[in-house]
Amino acid sequence: MAEQLLELEGERTRLDAMEYEGDDQGEPLAIRASFTLSYQHLRDSQSFAFRLLAAAPGTDISTAAAAALLGHDSISARRLLADLARAHLLNLAKSNEYTLPPRHRERWAMHDLIRLFASELSDARSNEDDRDTAVARLLDHYLDSAEGAERHLAVDAEQPVSDLFTDREQAISWLETERINLVAAATAPPAHHHPIGANLHKVLRRYFTTMRHFEDWCTLATQAATNSRRCEDVRGEGMALNHLGIALREMRRFEEAIEAHTEAVAILHEVGDRQAEGAALNNLGLTLREMRRLEEAIETYAHAAAIFRESEDFHGQGTVLHNLGVAFGELSRFEEAIEAHTEAAAILHEVGDRQAEGAAVNNLGATLRKVRRFEEAIGAHLQAATIFREVEDRHGEGAVLDDLGKALLALRRFKEAIEAHTEAAAAFQKAKDRFREGRALNNLGLALRGAGRREEAIEAHLQAAAIFREVGAQHEEGIALNNESVALHDLRRFEEAIETQTQAAAILRRTNDQELACKVLFNLGHALLDSGRCEEAIEIFTQAVAIAHDGNYRGAEGSLLDSLGLALREACKYEEALDAHTQAAAIFWEVGGRRQEAIALANAEIARWRRNMLRRS
């Protein structure tokens, strides 16, 4: 039997192996003979359908897709599919996406051995069945349906919404149901010379971003770049590499993203597509910003902006200014950030992109929040919400409500903040955007904690972490776990807090966010300290100080040194504590943190006094 199982691993030999081997009692299995007998009882139309279905890429096929493949209407196609199911050559299942009509919800699949049998027949009669034409019809169906579904994911005044789907929810349900088949279709050999191979990575950009299917996006963009290279479509290769870079950035594979974007910029510059070159530079800037290489990001954005000005692409200018504003804000160059966001909003309003205008106004609000101009920030967020409401973009409105909640929280208007984040989470849940639903729930947890509702806060953070785990967003999972641990600490549930913080720190270090890992280790150290585990706290603070020093996170290094001093003081290591507090004070003086400097100096005096008292005794 062991030898038989090894043979069964070979695709094309599996049926033959099962035909000549016997079972443990020596009886022939005769699988091929059984399939052949069933096939011979089929009518011509049924056998034709059976052979073509084997050529369909993917794991199953809907009634609607089968109709396209067979060249029939849905009713006729379903009759043939049902006939094959009655002959035990096909299995019928139904998707759990109940928003879909039956022609999309019904799923038909072959057992893998039956599919191998059907593939052999299909290969033998491919010319007679005109199989290439049939598969091309199926690929047309997938591409047309994907384009129709994608239009529901954003409101575009220049592009009518497709009537293939009733609304955004149904469109996403179809995309989620067909995702595996779409990827299989666009990467199968027939797609090498079909528009789906070159275009699906572009068509599904919003969907992949919304639903966080970045592995699939990488697969499609990589295949599209290969296909374009094979066909000597240089521009197509550049466009595919640009999208590959975006997907890699979202997966936090930053070095690979930079490589893809850099190659895309060079290719698009070579073919003279200045607008596409500017777009690739803009995306390169986004990756550099994520890596905290902010000065390089700003320089890259400036290059992109110059190209857009040269080509009179005002929409591109507005988009780059928007991103430039975010980079300025992260460098604490807030006045420049406010100016950039304001100018971006004006340009995007002028060109009629209301959604992009709303995003720019919303980020203006976020920057105003950073400089503690909270009332103005709230005004900007409310203006952005109005814009998204006018264009009936509930998803965009949800993003604004989430940011509005942060501004309200800063003003300690906890009830309103909780309402804003709750409404945002509901909007994202309805839009099936699990990632942003998780973010809204995480922010809801912060607002609940601010209101003293810590048990509810813990539950919100737990839900957020579970969602991030589900969608593979490790970085955000680490953030949610850290926030949960702070609420646990507040309730003096130290052991749970320590366990959660340890998990969060490991995740964040794995995702290479060393700066945020320092903050988590700061919280972990204090949880250990408050639970009386001084030596472990000293070890954690020392580890975090080294990370902050290596990353040049000076403010964080100062805070960690001051905390290390507290832990050393509790362990009666007063000389080392004095040294840690003194170093902390020097760093705070260097970065202009006068209040923190005063606290560190006061802590140093306490350590000095205790050291002297110990010496006298």
Foldseek 3Di string as FASTA:
>chain_A
DVVLVVQCVDQLCNLVSQQPADPPVRHRNNPVVLLVVLLVPDDPLLLLLLLLLLVQFDFWDFLCLSCLLSVHHSVVSVVSLVVCVVSVQKDWDFAPLVLEDRRLGIIIGGDSVSSSSSPVVNVVCVVVSVNLNSLLSSLVVLVVLLLLLLCQQDFDPVDDRHPVHDHNSNSLVSCVSCVRSLLRSLQDVSNLPHVSLLPVLVSCVSVCVLLVVLVSSLSSLVSNLVSCVVVVVLLSNLLSLLSNLLSCVLVLVLVSSLVSLVVSLVSCVVVPVLLSNLVSLLSNLVSCVVVVVLVVSLVSLVVSLVSCVVVVVLLSNLVSLLVNLVSCLVVVVLVSSLVSLVVSLVSCVVVPVLLSSLVSLLVNLVSCVVVVVLVVSLVSLVVSLVSCVVSVNLLSNLVSLLSNLVSCVVVVVLVSSLVSLVSSLVSSVSSVRLLVNLVSLLSNLVSCVSVVNLVSSLVSLVSSLVSCVVSVVLLVNLVSLLSSLVSCVVVVVLVSSLVSLVVSLVSNVVSVVLVVSLVSLLSNLVSCVVVVNLVVSLVSLVVSLVSCVVVVVLLSNLSSLQSNLVSCVSVVVLVSSLVSLVVSLVSCVVVVVVVSNVVSVVSSVVSVVSVVVVVVD
